[in-house]
Amino acid sequence: RLLGAARHEGRFARFAAQVAELLDIDEGKANALLDGIAVPDNWYDSPIEPIRLYDLEGGPKVQAAIRGFVSMPAGSAFPEHEHLGTEHVLVVQGSFEDSSGAVHHPGDVVRMEGGTSHAFTVRPGPDLVYMFVGQGGVKIGDMVFGPDTPDL
């Protein structure tokens, strides 16, 4: 009975409430998604090297959003991109510095409004892993990545 009543204590369990809120899901589902970070088969290469993605299901409030975990090695950069709607990013591992000079660490939630743009660089240390929920998607150069983009 004790084990059944024990709180979930996975590696990233401390982020479950934030993930649940951002994805419009319950904390049990959020914990399962966070545990999935450690499963290699959940990840695939994005169209932009060396970025890797892990797609996430969400609740009704985020069906018009792109959503997932992103993994990037230390020293790598995410190119300048425009947010097509409000985007929320939750850092779960590592850290990054955006083009404004702001540094974001595990537990930080970064909100970017539609029409804003920036780039960022992963800081030295462990690989960066963050969750994103981007209403409407993002535009990188001439490429648009939205909720209906196949193979994103």
Protein backbone atom coordinates (compact mmCIF):
# COMPACT_ATOMS: atom_id res chain seq x y z
CA ARG A 1 0.00 0.00 0.00
CA LEU A 2 2.84 2.39 0.72
CA LEU A 3 4.27 2.01 -2.77
CA GLY A 4 0.86 2.57 -4.33
CA ALA A 5 0.40 5.74 -2.32
CA ALA A 6 3.91 7.05 -2.92
CA ARG A 7 4.20 10.23 -4.91
CA HIS A 8 5.71 9.90 -8.36
CA GLU A 9 9.38 10.83 -8.07
CA GLY A 10 10.78 10.48 -11.59
CA ARG A 11 13.84 12.49 -12.58
CA PHE A 12 11.75 15.41 -13.84
CA ALA A 13 8.69 14.96 -11.57
CA ARG A 14 9.17 18.42 -10.05
CA PHE A 15 7.98 19.88 -13.38
CA ALA A 16 4.74 17.85 -13.57
CA ALA A 17 2.42 20.64 -12.38
CA GLN A 18 3.89 23.12 -14.88
CA VAL A 19 3.72 20.60 -17.74
CA ALA A 20 0.13 19.73 -16.83
CA GLU A 21 -0.91 23.38 -16.84
CA LEU A 22 0.87 24.26 -20.08
CA LEU A 23 -0.43 21.17 -21.94
CA ASP A 24 -3.94 21.22 -20.42
CA ILE A 25 -3.58 17.66 -19.07
CA ASP A 26 -3.58 16.02 -15.63
CA GLU A 27 -0.40 15.57 -13.57
CA GLY A 28 -0.35 11.79 -14.02
CA LYS A 29 -0.17 12.20 -17.80
CA ALA A 30 2.41 14.98 -17.35
CA ASN A 31 4.62 12.66 -15.27
CA ALA A 32 4.38 9.96 -17.94
CA LEU A 33 5.45 12.46 -20.63
CA LEU A 34 8.34 13.67 -18.46
CA ASP A 35 9.44 10.05 -17.89
CA GLY A 36 9.41 9.67 -21.69
CA ILE A 37 12.35 12.08 -21.97
CA ALA A 38 14.61 9.13 -21.07
CA VAL A 39 13.16 6.88 -23.83
CA PRO A 40 15.37 7.15 -26.95
CA ASP A 41 12.59 5.97 -29.29
CA ASN A 42 10.46 9.02 -28.37
CA TRP A 43 12.97 11.35 -30.06
CA TYR A 44 13.57 12.12 -33.74
CA ASP A 45 15.78 14.50 -35.70
CA SER A 46 14.17 17.83 -36.56
CA PRO A 47 14.68 19.51 -39.95
CA ILE A 48 17.25 21.76 -38.20
CA GLU A 49 20.41 20.01 -36.97
CA PRO A 50 21.33 19.21 -34.20
CA ILE A 51 17.84 19.74 -32.74
CA ARG A 52 15.90 16.64 -31.65
CA LEU A 53 12.16 16.55 -30.96
CA TYR A 54 9.72 14.51 -28.87
CA ASP A 55 6.08 15.23 -29.80
CA LEU A 56 3.50 15.60 -27.04
CA GLU A 57 -0.24 15.20 -26.90
CA GLY A 58 -2.15 17.96 -25.19
CA GLY A 59 -5.63 18.81 -24.01
CA PRO A 60 -8.32 20.85 -25.76
CA LYS A 61 -6.74 24.26 -25.04
CA VAL A 62 -3.56 23.43 -26.98
CA GLN A 63 -4.91 21.63 -30.05
CA ALA A 64 -4.01 24.63 -32.27
CA ALA A 65 -0.45 24.64 -30.93
CA ILE A 66 2.78 22.87 -31.76
CA ARG A 67 3.98 21.13 -28.61
CA GLY A 68 6.81 18.91 -27.58
CA PHE A 69 10.16 18.53 -25.92
CA VAL A 70 13.29 19.81 -27.64
CA SER A 71 16.83 18.59 -26.98
CA MET A 72 19.94 20.51 -28.03
CA PRO A 73 23.61 19.95 -27.14
CA ALA A 74 25.63 22.53 -25.24
CA GLY A 75 27.05 25.20 -27.53
CA SER A 76 24.41 24.74 -30.22
CA ALA A 77 22.12 27.54 -31.36
CA PHE A 78 18.47 27.85 -32.33
CA PRO A 79 18.20 30.26 -35.27
CA GLU A 80 16.30 33.53 -35.31
CA HIS A 81 12.59 32.72 -35.50
CA GLU A 82 9.25 34.51 -35.26
CA HIS A 83 6.42 33.37 -33.00
CA LEU A 84 3.12 33.18 -34.90
CA GLY A 85 1.17 33.16 -31.63
CA THR A 86 1.91 33.04 -27.92
CA GLU A 87 4.63 30.53 -27.04
CA HIS A 88 5.50 29.10 -23.62
CA VAL A 89 8.80 27.33 -22.99
CA LEU A 90 9.56 25.37 -19.80
CA VAL A 91 13.24 24.56 -19.24
CA VAL A 92 13.68 21.11 -17.67
CA GLN A 93 17.45 20.57 -18.08
CA GLY A 94 20.42 22.73 -19.00
CA SER A 95 20.19 26.44 -19.73
CA PHE A 96 20.14 28.88 -22.62
CA GLU A 97 20.84 32.52 -23.31
CA ASP A 98 18.50 34.31 -25.68
CA SER A 99 19.41 37.13 -28.04
CA SER A 100 18.31 39.72 -25.45
CA GLY A 101 20.99 38.41 -23.06
CA ALA A 102 18.49 36.78 -20.67
CA VAL A 103 19.58 33.40 -19.26
CA HIS A 104 16.98 30.72 -18.52
CA HIS A 105 17.44 27.72 -16.20
CA PRO A 106 15.44 24.61 -15.19
CA GLY A 107 12.00 25.57 -13.90
CA ASP A 108 11.89 28.85 -15.81
CA VAL A 109 8.85 29.44 -18.00
CA VAL A 110 9.52 31.85 -20.85
CA ARG A 111 6.53 33.48 -22.57
CA MET A 112 6.92 35.01 -26.02
CA GLU A 113 4.04 36.88 -27.63
CA GLY A 114 2.96 36.43 -31.24
CA GLY A 115 4.94 38.64 -33.60
CA THR A 116 8.08 38.60 -31.44
CA SER A 117 11.30 37.00 -32.60
CA HIS A 118 14.60 35.92 -31.10
CA ALA A 119 17.41 33.37 -31.30
CA PHE A 120 19.19 31.57 -28.48
CA THR A 121 22.32 29.60 -27.63
CA VAL A 122 22.63 26.60 -25.29
CA ARG A 123 25.01 27.36 -22.45
CA PRO A 124 27.87 25.06 -21.34
CA GLY A 125 26.80 22.10 -19.21
CA PRO A 126 24.23 19.38 -19.80
CA ASP A 127 22.19 19.23 -22.99
CA LEU A 128 19.28 21.63 -23.02
CA VAL A 129 15.86 19.98 -22.76
CA TYR A 130 12.78 22.17 -22.81
CA MET A 131 9.09 21.82 -23.45
CA PHE A 132 7.38 24.24 -25.80
CA VAL A 133 3.75 25.04 -26.52
CA GLY A 134 3.50 27.41 -29.46
CA GLN A 135 0.05 28.60 -30.48
CA GLY A 136 0.04 28.91 -34.26
CA GLY A 137 3.65 27.76 -34.61
CA VAL A 138 6.89 29.49 -35.58
CA LYS A 139 8.49 30.86 -38.72
CA ILE A 140 12.20 30.21 -39.33
CA GLY A 141 13.42 31.96 -42.47
CA ASP A 142 10.90 31.02 -45.17
CA MET A 143 9.77 27.86 -43.34
CA VAL A 144 6.60 27.81 -41.24
CA PHE A 145 6.22 25.09 -38.62
CA GLY A 146 2.64 24.92 -37.39
CA PRO A 147 0.20 22.43 -35.89
CA ASP A 148 -0.62 21.05 -39.35
CA THR A 149 2.99 20.71 -40.55
CA PRO A 150 3.60 17.04 -41.44
CA ASP A 151 6.66 15.31 -39.99
CA LEU A 152 7.53 18.15 -37.65
